């Protein structure tokens, strides 16, 4: 999947993603130690959506991962905690694909409005 992203954040896309999360009441915790194979996660705890982002993300990856996790918050708010513990079923695969598509569309819209035309290949995973 090709996703337009900036080569640096001069376009402000990452900043705009943080603003979008704030406006939706989503708390973001950047620079987290999430383990070796987890780049981001979304949890809904006590009705408050939270996104954790790995400390190991480049700018490109942070834009993609945050967009992907915002997709989970928007599309799967009541289901994200379930998915964290059931990674081996078709439901998990389905919601990951939906979050990937959401991220691709969101980044495309933000990139267009910022006048950015760089590409990054995403292979369907985080």
PDB file of N, CA and C in Angstrom:
ATOM      1  N   UNK A   1       0.864  -1.163   0.000  1.00  0.00           N
ATOM      2  CA  UNK A   1       0.000   0.000   0.000  1.00  0.00           C
ATOM      3  C   UNK A   1       0.907   1.220   0.000  1.00  0.00           C
ATOM      4  N   UNK A   2       0.698   2.150  -0.879  1.00  0.00           N
ATOM      5  CA  UNK A   2       1.487   3.383  -0.918  1.00  0.00           C
ATOM      6  C   UNK A   2       0.770   4.474  -0.137  1.00  0.00           C
ATOM      7  N   UNK A   3       1.513   5.128   0.734  1.00  0.00           N
ATOM      8  CA  UNK A   3       0.953   6.196   1.555  1.00  0.00           C
ATOM      9  C   UNK A   3       1.843   7.415   1.404  1.00  0.00           C
ATOM     10  N   UNK A   4       1.238   8.558   1.139  1.00  0.00           N
ATOM     11  CA  UNK A   4       1.993   9.803   1.041  1.00  0.00           C
ATOM     12  C   UNK A   4       2.319  10.302   2.441  1.00  0.00           C
ATOM     13  N   UNK A   5       3.593  10.513   2.686  1.00  0.00           N
ATOM     14  CA  UNK A   5       4.026  11.055   3.976  1.00  0.00           C
ATOM     15  C   UNK A   5       5.157  12.036   3.728  1.00  0.00           C
ATOM     16  N   UNK A   6       5.376  12.960   4.638  1.00  0.00           N
ATOM     17  CA  UNK A   6       6.458  13.920   4.453  1.00  0.00           C
ATOM     18  C   UNK A   6       7.815  13.299   4.759  1.00  0.00           C
ATOM     19  N   UNK A   7       8.854  13.806   4.115  1.00  0.00           N
ATOM     20  CA  UNK A   7      10.215  13.364   4.421  1.00  0.00           C
ATOM     21  C   UNK A   7      10.662  13.943   5.762  1.00  0.00           C
ATOM     22  N   UNK A   8      10.114  15.060   6.163  1.00  0.00           N
ATOM     23  CA  UNK A   8      10.335  15.608   7.500  1.00  0.00           C
ATOM     24  C   UNK A   8       9.016  16.248   7.917  1.00  0.00           C
ATOM     25  N   UNK A   9       8.930  16.721   9.130  1.00  0.00           N
ATOM     26  CA  UNK A   9       7.635  17.233   9.585  1.00  0.00           C
ATOM     27  C   UNK A   9       7.482  18.719   9.336  1.00  0.00           C
ATOM     28  N   UNK A  10       8.190  19.254   8.339  1.00  0.00           N
ATOM     29  CA  UNK A  10       7.977  20.648   7.966  1.00  0.00           C
ATOM     30  C   UNK A  10       6.523  20.872   7.578  1.00  0.00           C
ATOM     31  N   UNK A  11       5.872  19.817   7.094  1.00  0.00           N
ATOM     32  CA  UNK A  11       4.471  19.915   6.702  1.00  0.00           C
ATOM     33  C   UNK A  11       3.550  19.954   7.914  1.00  0.00           C
ATOM     34  N   UNK A  12       4.036  19.522   9.077  1.00  0.00           N
ATOM     35  CA  UNK A  12       3.228  19.550  10.294  1.00  0.00           C
ATOM     36  C   UNK A  12       2.234  18.412  10.413  1.00  0.00           C
ATOM     37  N   UNK A  13       2.382  17.357   9.619  1.00  0.00           N
ATOM     38  CA  UNK A  13       1.395  16.277   9.648  1.00  0.00           C
ATOM     39  C   UNK A  13       1.358  15.590  11.005  1.00  0.00           C
ATOM     40  N   UNK A  14       2.507  15.285  11.576  1.00  0.00           N
ATOM     41  CA  UNK A  14       2.505  14.626  12.886  1.00  0.00           C
ATOM     42  C   UNK A  14       1.836  15.522  13.924  1.00  0.00           C
ATOM     43  N   UNK A  15       2.167  16.805  13.871  1.00  0.00           N
ATOM     44  CA  UNK A  15       1.544  17.760  14.799  1.00  0.00           C
ATOM     45  C   UNK A  15       0.017  17.772  14.611  1.00  0.00           C
ATOM     46  N   UNK A  16      -0.431  17.741  13.366  1.00  0.00           N
ATOM     47  CA  UNK A  16      -1.877  17.749  13.091  1.00  0.00           C
ATOM     48  C   UNK A  16      -2.541  16.476  13.593  1.00  0.00           C
ATOM     49  N   UNK A  17      -1.841  15.355  13.547  1.00  0.00           N
ATOM     50  CA  UNK A  17      -2.386  14.109  14.086  1.00  0.00           C
ATOM     51  C   UNK A  17      -2.555  14.203  15.603  1.00  0.00           C
ATOM     52  N   UNK A  18      -1.571  14.809  16.274  1.00  0.00           N
ATOM     53  CA  UNK A  18      -1.685  15.006  17.721  1.00  0.00           C
ATOM     54  C   UNK A  18      -2.867  15.922  18.043  1.00  0.00           C
ATOM     55  N   UNK A  19      -3.046  16.979  17.254  1.00  0.00           N
ATOM     56  CA  UNK A  19      -4.182  17.884  17.462  1.00  0.00           C
ATOM     57  C   UNK A  19      -5.510  17.164  17.267  1.00  0.00           C
ATOM     58  N   UNK A  20      -5.583  16.348  16.228  1.00  0.00           N
ATOM     59  CA  UNK A  20      -6.798  15.586  15.961  1.00  0.00           C
ATOM     60  C   UNK A  20      -7.130  14.670  17.140  1.00  0.00           C
ATOM     61  N   UNK A  21      -6.134  13.990  17.654  1.00  0.00           N
ATOM     62  CA  UNK A  21      -6.348  13.116  18.813  1.00  0.00           C
ATOM     63  C   UNK A  21      -6.844  13.929  20.009  1.00  0.00           C
ATOM     64  N   UNK A  22      -6.208  15.057  20.265  1.00  0.00           N
ATOM     65  CA  UNK A  22      -6.608  15.906  21.389  1.00  0.00           C
ATOM     66  C   UNK A  22      -8.064  16.348  21.257  1.00  0.00           C
ATOM     67  N   UNK A  23      -8.457  16.767  20.061  1.00  0.00           N
ATOM     68  CA  UNK A  23      -9.837  17.221  19.833  1.00  0.00           C
ATOM     69  C   UNK A  23     -10.844  16.099  20.062  1.00  0.00           C
ATOM     70  N   UNK A  24     -10.425  14.869  19.863  1.00  0.00           N
ATOM     71  CA  UNK A  24     -11.303  13.717  20.055  1.00  0.00           C
ATOM     72  C   UNK A  24     -11.201  13.128  21.458  1.00  0.00           C
ATOM     73  N   UNK A  25     -10.430  13.783  22.317  1.00  0.00           N
ATOM     74  CA  UNK A  25     -10.305  13.312  23.692  1.00  0.00           C
ATOM     75  C   UNK A  25      -9.420  12.088  23.847  1.00  0.00           C
ATOM     76  N   UNK A  26      -8.556  11.855  22.877  1.00  0.00           N
ATOM     77  CA  UNK A  26      -7.658  10.704  22.909  1.00  0.00           C
ATOM     78  C   UNK A  26      -6.321  11.148  23.480  1.00  0.00           C
ATOM     79  N   UNK A  27      -5.861  10.469  24.497  1.00  0.00           N
ATOM     80  CA  UNK A  27      -4.582  10.798  25.118  1.00  0.00           C
ATOM     81  C   UNK A  27      -3.472  10.000  24.430  1.00  0.00           C
ATOM     82  N   UNK A  28      -2.408  10.702  24.079  1.00  0.00           N
ATOM     83  CA  UNK A  28      -1.276  10.064  23.402  1.00  0.00           C
ATOM     84  C   UNK A  28      -0.077  10.055  24.337  1.00  0.00           C
ATOM     85  N   UNK A  29       0.553   8.894  24.405  1.00  0.00           N
ATOM     86  CA  UNK A  29       1.744   8.709  25.212  1.00  0.00           C
ATOM     87  C   UNK A  29       2.892   8.311  24.280  1.00  0.00           C
ATOM     88  N   UNK A  30       3.665   9.299  23.787  1.00  0.00           N
ATOM     89  CA  UNK A  30       4.781   8.991  22.880  1.00  0.00           C
ATOM     90  C   UNK A  30       5.987   8.466  23.654  1.00  0.00           C
ATOM     91  N   UNK A  31       6.944   7.954  22.910  1.00  0.00           N
ATOM     92  CA  UNK A  31       8.229   7.534  23.475  1.00  0.00           C
ATOM     93  C   UNK A  31       8.100   6.494  24.583  1.00  0.00           C
ATOM     94  N   UNK A  32       7.253   5.518  24.345  1.00  0.00           N
ATOM     95  CA  UNK A  32       7.038   4.449  25.321  1.00  0.00           C
ATOM     96  C   UNK A  32       7.878   3.225  24.975  1.00  0.00           C
ATOM     97  N   UNK A  33       8.274   2.493  25.981  1.00  0.00           N
ATOM     98  CA  UNK A  33       8.943   1.212  25.768  1.00  0.00           C
ATOM     99  C   UNK A  33       7.840   0.155  25.690  1.00  0.00           C
ATOM    100  N   UNK A  34       7.458  -0.187  24.470  1.00  0.00           N
ATOM    101  CA  UNK A  34       6.351  -1.120  24.254  1.00  0.00           C
ATOM    102  C   UNK A  34       6.837  -2.531  23.928  1.00  0.00           C
ATOM    103  N   UNK A  35       8.109  -2.746  24.006  1.00  0.00           N
ATOM    104  CA  UNK A  35       8.654  -4.048  23.663  1.00  0.00           C
ATOM    105  C   UNK A  35       9.219  -4.038  22.255  1.00  0.00           C
ATOM    106  N   UNK A  36       9.815  -5.149  21.887  1.00  0.00           N
ATOM    107  CA  UNK A  36      10.541  -5.226  20.624  1.00  0.00           C
ATOM    108  C   UNK A  36       9.648  -5.192  19.392  1.00  0.00           C
ATOM    109  N   UNK A  37       8.479  -5.797  19.444  1.00  0.00           N
ATOM    110  CA  UNK A  37       7.651  -5.945  18.245  1.00  0.00           C
ATOM    111  C   UNK A  37       6.360  -5.132  18.259  1.00  0.00           C
ATOM    112  N   UNK A  38       6.224  -4.215  19.184  1.00  0.00           N
ATOM    113  CA  UNK A  38       5.009  -3.391  19.249  1.00  0.00           C
ATOM    114  C   UNK A  38       5.410  -1.944  19.002  1.00  0.00           C
ATOM    115  N   UNK A  39       4.802  -1.354  17.968  1.00  0.00           N
ATOM    116  CA  UNK A  39       5.128   0.022  17.593  1.00  0.00           C
ATOM    117  C   UNK A  39       4.102   1.014  18.105  1.00  0.00           C
ATOM    118  N   UNK A  40       2.898   0.541  18.341  1.00  0.00           N
ATOM    119  CA  UNK A  40       1.843   1.391  18.864  1.00  0.00           C
ATOM    120  C   UNK A  40       0.712   0.527  19.361  1.00  0.00           C
ATOM    121  N   UNK A  41      -0.104   1.100  20.233  1.00  0.00           N
ATOM    122  CA  UNK A  41      -1.284   0.382  20.698  1.00  0.00           C
ATOM    123  C   UNK A  41      -2.341   1.381  21.126  1.00  0.00           C
ATOM    124  N   UNK A  42      -3.568   0.918  21.070  1.00  0.00           N
ATOM    125  CA  UNK A  42      -4.713   1.732  21.461  1.00  0.00           C
ATOM    126  C   UNK A  42      -5.496   0.951  22.503  1.00  0.00           C
ATOM    127  N   UNK A  43      -5.785   1.584  23.627  1.00  0.00           N
ATOM    128  CA  UNK A  43      -6.604   0.955  24.661  1.00  0.00           C
ATOM    129  C   UNK A  43      -7.706   1.920  25.064  1.00  0.00           C
ATOM    130  N   UNK A  44      -8.790   1.345  25.511  1.00  0.00           N
ATOM    131  CA  UNK A  44      -9.915   2.115  26.016  1.00  0.00           C
ATOM    132  C   UNK A  44     -10.074   1.722  27.476  1.00  0.00           C
ATOM    133  N   UNK A  45      -9.705   2.625  28.367  1.00  0.00           N
ATOM    134  CA  UNK A  45      -9.730   2.331  29.794  1.00  0.00           C
ATOM    135  C   UNK A  45     -10.578   3.372  30.501  1.00  0.00           C
ATOM    136  N   UNK A  46     -11.611   2.909  31.178  1.00  0.00           N
ATOM    137  CA  UNK A  46     -12.543   3.803  31.875  1.00  0.00           C
ATOM    138  C   UNK A  46     -13.136   4.850  30.944  1.00  0.00           C
ATOM    139  N   UNK A  47     -13.395   4.456  29.694  1.00  0.00           N
ATOM    140  CA  UNK A  47     -14.008   5.347  28.729  1.00  0.00           C
ATOM    141  C   UNK A  47     -13.063   6.363  28.112  1.00  0.00           C
ATOM    142  N   UNK A  48     -11.785   6.281  28.449  1.00  0.00           N
ATOM    143  CA  UNK A  48     -10.793   7.192  27.887  1.00  0.00           C
ATOM    144  C   UNK A  48      -9.900   6.403  26.939  1.00  0.00           C
ATOM    145  N   UNK A  49      -9.830   6.854  25.700  1.00  0.00           N
ATOM    146  CA  UNK A  49      -8.991   6.193  24.713  1.00  0.00           C
ATOM    147  C   UNK A  49      -7.562   6.698  24.870  1.00  0.00           C
ATOM    148  N   UNK A  50      -6.626   5.753  24.822  1.00  0.00           N
ATOM    149  CA  UNK A  50      -5.215   6.083  24.965  1.00  0.00           C
ATOM    150  C   UNK A  50      -4.430   5.400  23.860  1.00  0.00           C
ATOM    151  N   UNK A  51      -3.453   6.124  23.333  1.00  0.00           N
ATOM    152  CA  UNK A  51      -2.560   5.568  22.323  1.00  0.00           C
ATOM    153  C   UNK A  51      -1.140   5.658  22.861  1.00  0.00           C
ATOM    154  N   UNK A  52      -0.448   4.545  22.827  1.00  0.00           N
ATOM    155  CA  UNK A  52       0.964   4.507  23.170  1.00  0.00           C
ATOM    156  C   UNK A  52       1.779   4.352  21.900  1.00  0.00           C
ATOM    157  N   UNK A  53       2.834   5.117  21.773  1.00  0.00           N
ATOM    158  CA  UNK A  53       3.726   5.051  20.613  1.00  0.00           C
ATOM    159  C   UNK A  53       5.131   4.666  21.070  1.00  0.00           C
ATOM    160  N   UNK A  54       5.737   3.760  20.353  1.00  0.00           N
ATOM    161  CA  UNK A  54       7.073   3.283  20.687  1.00  0.00           C
ATOM    162  C   UNK A  54       8.099   4.404  20.594  1.00  0.00           C
ATOM    163  N   UNK A  55       9.099   4.307  21.436  1.00  0.00           N
ATOM    164  CA  UNK A  55      10.206   5.268  21.410  1.00  0.00           C
ATOM    165  C   UNK A  55      11.139   5.012  20.229  1.00  0.00           C
ATOM    166  N   UNK A  56      10.945   3.904  19.521  1.00  0.00           N
ATOM    167  CA  UNK A  56      11.854   3.526  18.434  1.00  0.00           C
ATOM    168  C   UNK A  56      11.367   3.955  17.056  1.00  0.00           C
ATOM    169  N   UNK A  57      10.370   4.832  16.973  1.00  0.00           N
ATOM    170  CA  UNK A  57       9.774   5.192  15.685  1.00  0.00           C
ATOM    171  C   UNK A  57      10.487   6.364  15.017  1.00  0.00           C
ATOM    172  N   UNK A  58      10.741   6.215  13.715  1.00  0.00           N
ATOM    173  CA  UNK A  58      11.203   7.349  12.913  1.00  0.00           C
ATOM    174  C   UNK A  58      10.002   8.269  12.683  1.00  0.00           C
ATOM    175  N   UNK A  59      10.232   9.417  12.093  1.00  0.00           N
ATOM    176  CA  UNK A  59       9.129  10.327  11.787  1.00  0.00           C
ATOM    177  C   UNK A  59       8.109   9.651  10.872  1.00  0.00           C
ATOM    178  N   UNK A  60       8.591   9.009   9.804  1.00  0.00           N
ATOM    179  CA  UNK A  60       7.682   8.323   8.878  1.00  0.00           C
ATOM    180  C   UNK A  60       6.839   7.284   9.612  1.00  0.00           C
ATOM    181  N   UNK A  61       7.502   6.485  10.425  1.00  0.00           N
ATOM    182  CA  UNK A  61       6.790   5.428  11.141  1.00  0.00           C
ATOM    183  C   UNK A  61       5.818   6.007  12.162  1.00  0.00           C
ATOM    184  N   UNK A  62       6.213   7.081  12.841  1.00  0.00           N
ATOM    185  CA  UNK A  62       5.321   7.695  13.837  1.00  0.00           C
ATOM    186  C   UNK A  62       4.042   8.203  13.182  1.00  0.00           C
ATOM    187  N   UNK A  63       4.163   8.798  12.016  1.00  0.00           N
ATOM    188  CA  UNK A  63       2.980   9.284  11.291  1.00  0.00           C
ATOM    189  C   UNK A  63       2.068   8.122  10.940  1.00  0.00           C
ATOM    190  N   UNK A  64       2.657   7.068  10.412  1.00  0.00           N
ATOM    191  CA  UNK A  64       1.845   5.911  10.040  1.00  0.00           C
ATOM    192  C   UNK A  64       1.224   5.236  11.266  1.00  0.00           C
ATOM    193  N   UNK A  65       2.030   4.960  12.282  1.00  0.00           N
ATOM    194  CA  UNK A  65       1.532   4.231  13.453  1.00  0.00           C
ATOM    195  C   UNK A  65       0.456   5.045  14.175  1.00  0.00           C
ATOM    196  N   UNK A  66       0.671   6.338  14.341  1.00  0.00           N
ATOM    197  CA  UNK A  66      -0.348   7.161  15.002  1.00  0.00           C
ATOM    198  C   UNK A  66      -1.629   7.182  14.178  1.00  0.00           C
ATOM    199  N   UNK A  67      -1.526   7.296  12.872  1.00  0.00           N
ATOM    200  CA  UNK A  67      -2.720   7.264  12.010  1.00  0.00           C
ATOM    201  C   UNK A  67      -3.444   5.933  12.137  1.00  0.00           C
ATOM    202  N   UNK A  68      -2.682   4.851  12.165  1.00  0.00           N
ATOM    203  CA  UNK A  68      -3.242   3.503  12.309  1.00  0.00           C
ATOM    204  C   UNK A  68      -3.977   3.368  13.644  1.00  0.00           C
ATOM    205  N   UNK A  69      -3.342   3.819  14.712  1.00  0.00           N
ATOM    206  CA  UNK A  69      -3.965   3.711  16.044  1.00  0.00           C
ATOM    207  C   UNK A  69      -5.182   4.633  16.166  1.00  0.00           C
ATOM    208  N   UNK A  70      -5.140   5.804  15.534  1.00  0.00           N
ATOM    209  CA  UNK A  70      -6.336   6.655  15.498  1.00  0.00           C
ATOM    210  C   UNK A  70      -7.472   5.938  14.780  1.00  0.00           C
ATOM    211  N   UNK A  71      -7.130   5.153  13.766  1.00  0.00           N
ATOM    212  CA  UNK A  71      -8.135   4.337  13.086  1.00  0.00           C
ATOM    213  C   UNK A  71      -8.800   3.365  14.048  1.00  0.00           C
ATOM    214  N   UNK A  72      -8.000   2.719  14.887  1.00  0.00           N
ATOM    215  CA  UNK A  72      -8.589   1.825  15.887  1.00  0.00           C
ATOM    216  C   UNK A  72      -9.510   2.601  16.829  1.00  0.00           C
ATOM    217  N   UNK A  73      -9.069   3.769  17.267  1.00  0.00           N
ATOM    218  CA  UNK A  73      -9.905   4.571  18.175  1.00  0.00           C
ATOM    219  C   UNK A  73     -11.230   4.952  17.525  1.00  0.00           C
ATOM    220  N   UNK A  74     -11.175   5.299  16.259  1.00  0.00           N
ATOM    221  CA  UNK A  74     -12.376   5.727  15.551  1.00  0.00           C
ATOM    222  C   UNK A  74     -13.280   4.552  15.191  1.00  0.00           C
ATOM    223  N   UNK A  75     -12.694   3.479  14.706  1.00  0.00           N
ATOM    224  CA  UNK A  75     -13.481   2.367  14.166  1.00  0.00           C
ATOM    225  C   UNK A  75     -13.783   1.265  15.168  1.00  0.00           C
ATOM    226  N   UNK A  76     -12.924   1.098  16.156  1.00  0.00           N
ATOM    227  CA  UNK A  76     -13.024  -0.084  17.019  1.00  0.00           C
ATOM    228  C   UNK A  76     -12.954   0.268  18.503  1.00  0.00           C
ATOM    229  N   UNK A  77     -13.426   1.423  18.875  1.00  0.00           N
ATOM    230  CA  UNK A  77     -13.244   1.913  20.251  1.00  0.00           C
ATOM    231  C   UNK A  77     -13.685   0.910  21.314  1.00  0.00           C
ATOM    232  N   UNK A  78     -14.781   0.250  21.091  1.00  0.00           N
ATOM    233  CA  UNK A  78     -15.285  -0.688  22.102  1.00  0.00           C
ATOM    234  C   UNK A  78     -14.599  -2.042  22.018  1.00  0.00           C
ATOM    235  N   UNK A  79     -13.813  -2.258  20.973  1.00  0.00           N
ATOM    236  CA  UNK A  79     -13.263  -3.585  20.722  1.00  0.00           C
ATOM    237  C   UNK A  79     -11.756  -3.666  20.855  1.00  0.00           C
ATOM    238  N   UNK A  80     -11.073  -2.543  21.030  1.00  0.00           N
ATOM    239  CA  UNK A  80      -9.615  -2.577  20.978  1.00  0.00           C
ATOM    240  C   UNK A  80      -9.016  -3.424  22.094  1.00  0.00           C
ATOM    241  N   UNK A  81      -9.575  -3.389  23.280  1.00  0.00           N
ATOM    242  CA  UNK A  81      -9.014  -4.189  24.364  1.00  0.00           C
ATOM    243  C   UNK A  81      -9.137  -5.679  24.059  1.00  0.00           C
ATOM    244  N   UNK A  82     -10.259  -6.081  23.453  1.00  0.00           N
ATOM    245  CA  UNK A  82     -10.439  -7.477  23.058  1.00  0.00           C
ATOM    246  C   UNK A  82      -9.346  -7.885  22.084  1.00  0.00           C
ATOM    247  N   UNK A  83      -9.072  -7.048  21.111  1.00  0.00           N
ATOM    248  CA  UNK A  83      -8.112  -7.382  20.058  1.00  0.00           C
ATOM    249  C   UNK A  83      -6.706  -7.544  20.615  1.00  0.00           C
ATOM    250  N   UNK A  84      -6.363  -6.812  21.658  1.00  0.00           N
ATOM    251  CA  UNK A  84      -5.024  -6.930  22.233  1.00  0.00           C
ATOM    252  C   UNK A  84      -4.738  -8.344  22.718  1.00  0.00           C
ATOM    253  N   UNK A  85      -5.771  -9.043  23.146  1.00  0.00           N
ATOM    254  CA  UNK A  85      -5.580 -10.358  23.740  1.00  0.00           C
ATOM    255  C   UNK A  85      -5.957 -11.508  22.814  1.00  0.00           C
ATOM    256  N   UNK A  86      -6.403 -11.212  21.613  1.00  0.00           N
ATOM    257  CA  UNK A  86      -6.854 -12.243  20.683  1.00  0.00           C
ATOM    258  C   UNK A  86      -6.230 -12.044  19.311  1.00  0.00           C
ATOM    259  N   UNK A  87      -4.911 -12.047  19.252  1.00  0.00           N
ATOM    260  CA  UNK A  87      -4.194 -11.722  18.021  1.00  0.00           C
ATOM    261  C   UNK A  87      -4.194 -12.840  16.991  1.00  0.00           C
ATOM    262  N   UNK A  88      -4.719 -13.976  17.303  1.00  0.00           N
ATOM    263  CA  UNK A  88      -4.585 -15.102  16.394  1.00  0.00           C
ATOM    264  C   UNK A  88      -5.879 -15.472  15.665  1.00  0.00           C
ATOM    265  N   UNK A  89      -6.845 -14.596  15.640  1.00  0.00           N
ATOM    266  CA  UNK A  89      -8.079 -14.948  14.937  1.00  0.00           C
ATOM    267  C   UNK A  89      -8.332 -14.017  13.754  1.00  0.00           C
ATOM    268  N   UNK A  90      -9.302 -14.356  12.932  1.00  0.00           N
ATOM    269  CA  UNK A  90      -9.620 -13.576  11.741  1.00  0.00           C
ATOM    270  C   UNK A  90     -10.121 -12.183  12.092  1.00  0.00           C
ATOM    271  N   UNK A  91     -10.798 -12.055  13.216  1.00  0.00           N
ATOM    272  CA  UNK A  91     -11.288 -10.749  13.653  1.00  0.00           C
ATOM    273  C   UNK A  91     -10.112  -9.781  13.832  1.00  0.00           C
ATOM    274  N   UNK A  92      -9.051 -10.253  14.457  1.00  0.00           N
ATOM    275  CA  UNK A  92      -7.863  -9.426  14.657  1.00  0.00           C
ATOM    276  C   UNK A  92      -7.305  -8.968  13.310  1.00  0.00           C
ATOM    277  N   UNK A  93      -7.164  -9.912  12.381  1.00  0.00           N
ATOM    278  CA  UNK A  93      -6.650  -9.563  11.052  1.00  0.00           C
ATOM    279  C   UNK A  93      -7.540  -8.531  10.377  1.00  0.00           C
ATOM    280  N   UNK A  94      -8.840  -8.694  10.509  1.00  0.00           N
ATOM    281  CA  UNK A  94      -9.794  -7.786   9.877  1.00  0.00           C
ATOM    282  C   UNK A  94      -9.667  -6.365  10.436  1.00  0.00           C
ATOM    283  N   UNK A  95      -9.593  -6.221  11.748  1.00  0.00           N
ATOM    284  CA  UNK A  95      -9.523  -4.867  12.302  1.00  0.00           C
ATOM    285  C   UNK A  95      -8.166  -4.223  12.017  1.00  0.00           C
ATOM    286  N   UNK A  96      -7.120  -5.031  11.892  1.00  0.00           N
ATOM    287  CA  UNK A  96      -5.816  -4.471  11.520  1.00  0.00           C
ATOM    288  C   UNK A  96      -5.856  -3.942  10.084  1.00  0.00           C
ATOM    289  N   UNK A  97      -6.490  -4.668   9.194  1.00  0.00           N
ATOM    290  CA  UNK A  97      -6.613  -4.208   7.808  1.00  0.00           C
ATOM    291  C   UNK A  97      -7.459  -2.945   7.732  1.00  0.00           C
ATOM    292  N   UNK A  98      -8.533  -2.878   8.522  1.00  0.00           N
ATOM    293  CA  UNK A  98      -9.361  -1.674   8.542  1.00  0.00           C
ATOM    294  C   UNK A  98      -8.559  -0.481   9.047  1.00  0.00           C
ATOM    295  N   UNK A  99      -7.763  -0.667  10.085  1.00  0.00           N
ATOM    296  CA  UNK A  99      -6.950   0.427  10.624  1.00  0.00           C
ATOM    297  C   UNK A  99      -5.877   0.849   9.617  1.00  0.00           C
ATOM    298  N   UNK A 100      -5.334  -0.112   8.854  1.00  0.00           N
ATOM    299  CA  UNK A 100      -4.370   0.230   7.796  1.00  0.00           C
ATOM    300  C   UNK A 100      -5.025   1.105   6.728  1.00  0.00           C
ATOM    301  N   UNK A 101      -6.230   0.740   6.315  1.00  0.00           N
ATOM    302  CA  UNK A 101      -6.934   1.536   5.292  1.00  0.00           C
ATOM    303  C   UNK A 101      -7.271   2.927   5.821  1.00  0.00           C
ATOM    304  N   UNK A 102      -7.713   3.004   7.070  1.00  0.00           N
ATOM    305  CA  UNK A 102      -8.002   4.292   7.694  1.00  0.00           C
ATOM    306  C   UNK A 102      -6.747   5.162   7.687  1.00  0.00           C
ATOM    307  N   UNK A 103      -5.611   4.589   8.089  1.00  0.00           N
ATOM    308  CA  UNK A 103      -4.350   5.330   8.132  1.00  0.00           C
ATOM    309  C   UNK A 103      -3.978   5.846   6.748  1.00  0.00           C
ATOM    310  N   UNK A 104      -4.112   4.997   5.744  1.00  0.00           N
ATOM    311  CA  UNK A 104      -3.761   5.403   4.379  1.00  0.00           C
ATOM    312  C   UNK A 104      -4.603   6.588   3.929  1.00  0.00           C
ATOM    313  N   UNK A 105      -5.906   6.535   4.200  1.00  0.00           N
ATOM    314  CA  UNK A 105      -6.789   7.636   3.793  1.00  0.00           C
ATOM    315  C   UNK A 105      -6.498   8.907   4.579  1.00  0.00           C
ATOM    316  N   UNK A 106      -6.300   8.775   5.879  1.00  0.00           N
ATOM    317  CA  UNK A 106      -6.037   9.950   6.712  1.00  0.00           C
ATOM    318  C   UNK A 106      -4.729  10.628   6.297  1.00  0.00           C
ATOM    319  N   UNK A 107      -3.690   9.850   6.085  1.00  0.00           N
ATOM    320  CA  UNK A 107      -2.401  10.420   5.681  1.00  0.00           C
ATOM    321  C   UNK A 107      -2.515  11.063   4.303  1.00  0.00           C
ATOM    322  N   UNK A 108      -3.265  10.460   3.422  1.00  0.00           N
ATOM    323  CA  UNK A 108      -3.447  11.023   2.083  1.00  0.00           C
ATOM    324  C   UNK A 108      -4.121  12.396   2.165  1.00  0.00           C
ATOM    325  N   UNK A 109      -5.171  12.493   2.967  1.00  0.00           N
ATOM    326  CA  UNK A 109      -5.885  13.768   3.126  1.00  0.00           C
ATOM    327  C   UNK A 109      -4.971  14.826   3.751  1.00  0.00           C
ATOM    328  N   UNK A 110      -4.281  14.465   4.819  1.00  0.00           N
ATOM    329  CA  UNK A 110      -3.407  15.432   5.488  1.00  0.00           C
ATOM    330  C   UNK A 110      -2.235  15.835   4.593  1.00  0.00           C
ATOM    331  N   UNK A 111      -1.717  14.888   3.824  1.00  0.00           N
ATOM    332  CA  UNK A 111      -0.603  15.188   2.919  1.00  0.00           C
ATOM    333  C   UNK A 111      -1.039  16.133   1.811  1.00  0.00           C
ATOM    334  N   UNK A 112      -2.217  15.882   1.258  1.00  0.00           N
ATOM    335  CA  UNK A 112      -2.728  16.768   0.201  1.00  0.00           C
ATOM    336  C   UNK A 112      -2.919  18.176   0.724  1.00  0.00           C
ATOM    337  N   UNK A 113      -3.531  18.299   1.905  1.00  0.00           N
ATOM    338  CA  UNK A 113      -3.800  19.630   2.438  1.00  0.00           C
ATOM    339  C   UNK A 113      -2.508  20.350   2.812  1.00  0.00           C
ATOM    340  N   UNK A 114      -1.442  19.580   3.058  1.00  0.00           N
ATOM    341  CA  UNK A 114      -0.151  20.183   3.386  1.00  0.00           C
ATOM    342  C   UNK A 114       0.721  20.355   2.146  1.00  0.00           C
ATOM    343  N   UNK A 115       0.246  19.889   0.995  1.00  0.00           N
ATOM    344  CA  UNK A 115       1.012  20.005  -0.240  1.00  0.00           C
ATOM    345  C   UNK A 115       2.197  19.063  -0.314  1.00  0.00           C
ATOM    346  N   UNK A 116       2.106  17.922   0.341  1.00  0.00           N
ATOM    347  CA  UNK A 116       3.200  16.954   0.394  1.00  0.00           C
ATOM    348  C   UNK A 116       2.970  15.879  -0.652  1.00  0.00           C
ATOM    349  N   UNK A 117       4.048  15.451  -1.298  1.00  0.00           N
ATOM    350  CA  UNK A 117       3.909  14.407  -2.306  1.00  0.00           C
ATOM    351  C   UNK A 117       5.071  13.425  -2.241  1.00  0.00           C
ATOM    352  N   UNK A 118       5.344  12.902  -1.060  1.00  0.00           N
ATOM    353  CA  UNK A 118       6.350  11.859  -0.888  1.00  0.00           C
ATOM    354  C   UNK A 118       5.612  10.551  -0.680  1.00  0.00           C
ATOM    355  N   UNK A 119       6.261   9.448  -0.989  1.00  0.00           N
ATOM    356  CA  UNK A 119       5.605   8.160  -0.792  1.00  0.00           C
ATOM    357  C   UNK A 119       6.380   7.273   0.139  1.00  0.00           C
ATOM    358  N   UNK A 120       5.629   6.410   0.819  1.00  0.00           N
ATOM    359  CA  UNK A 120       6.208   5.423   1.705  1.00  0.00           C
ATOM    360  C   UNK A 120       5.445   4.136   1.459  1.00  0.00           C
ATOM    361  N   UNK A 121       6.136   3.038   1.324  1.00  0.00           N
ATOM    362  CA  UNK A 121       5.461   1.762   1.119  1.00  0.00           C
ATOM    363  C   UNK A 121       5.118   1.137   2.464  1.00  0.00           C
ATOM    364  N   UNK A 122       3.874   0.750   2.576  1.00  0.00           N
ATOM    365  CA  UNK A 122       3.403   0.055   3.764  1.00  0.00           C
ATOM    366  C   UNK A 122       2.928  -1.310   3.299  1.00  0.00           C
ATOM    367  N   UNK A 123       3.403  -2.355   3.929  1.00  0.00           N
ATOM    368  CA  UNK A 123       3.082  -3.698   3.463  1.00  0.00           C
ATOM    369  C   UNK A 123       1.852  -4.293   4.115  1.00  0.00           C
ATOM    370  N   UNK A 124       1.020  -3.452   4.731  1.00  0.00           N
ATOM    371  CA  UNK A 124      -0.203  -3.951   5.349  1.00  0.00           C
ATOM    372  C   UNK A 124      -0.056  -4.241   6.827  1.00  0.00           C
ATOM    373  N   UNK A 125       1.116  -4.082   7.381  1.00  0.00           N
ATOM    374  CA  UNK A 125       1.319  -4.308   8.802  1.00  0.00           C
ATOM    375  C   UNK A 125       1.816  -3.061   9.462  1.00  0.00           C
ATOM    376  N   UNK A 126       1.968  -3.145  10.767  1.00  0.00           N
ATOM    377  CA  UNK A 126       2.471  -1.974  11.487  1.00  0.00           C
ATOM    378  C   UNK A 126       3.944  -1.897  11.359  1.00  0.00           C
TER     379      UNK A 126
END
